[in-house]
Amino acid sequence: MFHFFTAELVYSEKYLILKPLNSILVRDMLIKGNRKVINAWAFYDWANSVYSLVISTAIFPIYYTSMTQSFASETGMISFLGTQWHPTTLYDYTLSLSFLIVAFISPILSGIADYTGNKLKFLKAFCLLGSLSVMALYFFDGPDTLWVGLVFTILASIGFWGSIVFYNAYLPEVAHPEDQDRVSAKGFMVGYAGSVLLLLICLIMVNKPALFGLSDAAFATRLTFLLTGLWWLGFAQITYRRLPNNVYDRKPQRDYIWKGLHELSVIARELKAYPQLRIFLYAFFTFSVGVQTIILMAGIFGSKELQLPTIDLIAVILVVQLVAIIGAFVFSRLSKKIGNLATLKITVSIWGIVCLVGFLLDKDQPNIQLYFYILGGLIGLVMGAIQSLSRSTYSKMLPETTDHATYFSFYDVTEKVAIVLGMFVFGLLNALTGSMQWSVFCLALFFVVSFVLLSFVQKTAHVR
């Protein structure tokens, strides 16, 4: 990356000696803390967060529901692979499968990436897979192309979450420990801003297709999938221009795949020597069960359980994203004053309150829309905060290592398995009780357990 000669002057009794510095050390010094590199890293959030908002949360789920309802049977079932499915159940299983695939492959790929030093190449590969898969959703327009919607939903999810593994692994390489809370929050803030901007553009296209010379809302919606994929892939190029590759100048051998797998097993054994890191991962797992499930199911909860109109659901999603920008900033500053662990406990407590408020809501209550907006604001306040703080806290707790991708793969796998468990618990309780409110109440228990586990994490030089 840096092809110039760097040296230091060393004093000798007779003359000065020109002594080359360690090129890896110099490269690390020039990269870590560099403002342009940090901005390029954070800008990938601007590029990829549109997937989370437009595809995972707002427009595609609504389009999928509308499309499947149009060709569902009188009993509300649709046919896929010779079996009758409830559309929502089929969609949930599709997402869960994608999370399981990512949980399986990311540790293997990250071990290989660390051994070969090619995190950037893996980031590019998963970004390309995800963005092209999002664009392919354009071709889902009826029962004959249902397989397109489902297959590329899986591939888009794998592309997004797979790229996040390697994106997160760059944090300890681009920012010093004392700056990682701020830098991590900056990424989420930039991401929320970019995703809100694109969502507003997409909503105008869908609701006013004639302004863009489009025939109808359905066609306009499919065009938003193309726009989202192009946005993700296009803006990612800015990140690629600045983000370094192979910081530690590794030279892979022929059997790099087996070496990468060995790297993974080494890190797995090393985790046993860091009990505080393990406890934090347990706490991260338990609160991720609640956080990620609420993020994925909040729209369906508002639609099915509270029977709110689509316009209110979209508006609440926008409120969540905008408040999340403020929340990420405020809590990153708070962590500098009272420490990461205390700040995380506060966010976990607020998430528990979110669950209790959600449990108490009822569709027959007066002003239920107002209460749901308030709940959305509360979620937004701590959504960006808990995600950015958990990422930076984990980064600070890592031992001195060059295997950042492998360590962060454990972090990301923990989150994916938590999502699968959360979706299973949510769906099971909904099936047993016939109400999502008890599912929401159960998620509060995970936050209680997480709070207790965080209390056992000891403070360190970088984590207070």
Foldseek 3Di string as FASTA:
>chain_A
DDPDWDFDWDDDPVDIDTGTDDPLVVLLVCQAPDPLLLVLLLLLLLQQLLCCPCPQAAQVVVLQVVQQQVPADPVCWDDDPNDTDNSVVLQLVLLLVLLVVLLPCQLLVLLLCLQAQFLVVQLLVLLLQQLVLLLQCLPPRHNVCVVSVSVSVSRNSNSSLSNVLSSLLCLVSRYPLQCQLVSLLSSLLSNLVSNLVLVVVLVCCLVPVVVVPDDHNSNSSSVSSNVSSCSNNVSNVSSVVNHDTSSVVHDDDPVSSVSSVVSLVVVVVVVVVQVLLVLLLLLLLLLLLLLVLCSNCVLVCCCPFLVDDSVLSVVLSNLLSVLLSVLSVVLSVVCVVVWLLVSLLVLLVLSLVLLVLLLPQGNPDPPSSVSSSVSSSSSSNSNSNNVSSSSSVSSSSDDPDSSSSSSSSSSSSSSSVSNSVSSVQQVVVCVVVVHSSVSSNVSSVSSVVSSVSSVPNDADPSTD
